[in-house]
Amino acid sequence: MADKKLVCKDCGEEFMFTEGEQEFYKEKGFTNEPTRCPDCRKARKAQRNRFSNKQSYR
């Protein structure tokens, strides 16, 4: 396995899908490559967490 350059579907920037990350995905049974760069993944996760926190207060 070699590092792969992928393009983020949110921001359009290239990011590296490293050999180590590929191995991690394989160990977890993930069949798809990531579609977002690490920064966009982090932002999306934070957005989901804010949404779920608002829902739990209702």
Protein backbone atom coordinates (compact mmCIF):
# COMPACT_ATOMS: atom_id res chain seq x y z
CA MET A 1 0.00 0.00 0.00
CA ALA A 2 1.18 3.50 -0.79
CA ASP A 3 -0.03 6.94 0.29
CA LYS A 4 -2.86 8.24 -1.90
CA LYS A 5 -3.80 11.79 -2.80
CA LEU A 6 -7.54 12.36 -2.49
CA VAL A 7 -9.68 15.46 -3.05
CA CYS A 8 -12.03 16.67 -0.31
CA LYS A 9 -15.66 16.81 -1.43
CA ASP A 10 -16.35 19.83 0.81
CA CYS A 11 -13.42 22.20 0.27
CA GLY A 12 -11.86 20.72 -2.88
CA GLU A 13 -8.37 20.59 -1.42
CA GLU A 14 -6.07 17.62 -1.92
CA PHE A 15 -5.14 15.59 1.16
CA MET A 16 -3.08 12.49 1.79
CA PHE A 17 -4.68 9.18 2.73
CA THR A 18 -1.60 7.69 4.32
CA GLU A 19 -0.60 4.07 4.35
CA GLY A 20 -1.23 3.98 8.10
CA GLU A 21 -4.73 5.43 7.71
CA GLN A 22 -5.48 2.90 4.98
CA GLU A 23 -4.41 0.09 7.29
CA PHE A 24 -6.62 1.50 10.07
CA TYR A 25 -9.62 1.65 7.71
CA LYS A 26 -8.94 -1.93 6.63
CA GLU A 27 -8.72 -3.16 10.25
CA LYS A 28 -12.04 -1.45 11.07
CA GLY A 29 -13.71 -3.04 8.04
CA PHE A 30 -14.31 0.25 6.26
CA THR A 31 -14.63 -0.30 2.52
CA ASN A 32 -14.78 3.34 1.36
CA GLU A 33 -11.96 5.86 1.34
CA PRO A 34 -12.52 9.13 3.21
CA THR A 35 -14.22 11.81 1.13
CA ARG A 36 -13.32 14.74 3.39
CA CYS A 37 -9.95 16.12 4.46
CA PRO A 38 -9.09 15.95 8.17
CA ASP A 39 -10.09 19.61 8.74
CA CYS A 40 -13.49 19.18 7.09
CA ARG A 41 -14.05 15.89 8.95
CA LYS A 42 -13.30 17.66 12.23
CA ALA A 43 -15.63 20.56 11.37
CA ARG A 44 -18.43 18.19 10.35
CA LYS A 45 -18.04 16.19 13.57
CA ALA A 46 -18.18 19.39 15.65
CA GLN A 47 -21.30 20.47 13.78
CA ARG A 48 -22.98 17.11 14.44
CA ASN A 49 -22.04 17.32 18.13
CA ARG A 50 -23.51 20.82 18.46
CA PHE A 51 -26.72 19.64 16.81
CA SER A 52 -27.05 16.57 19.03
CA ASN A 53 -26.37 18.64 22.17
CA LYS A 54 -29.18 21.04 21.25
CA GLN A 55 -31.54 18.09 20.72
CA SER A 56 -30.78 16.61 24.15
CA TYR A 57 -31.87 19.81 25.94
CA ARG A 58 -35.41 19.59 24.58
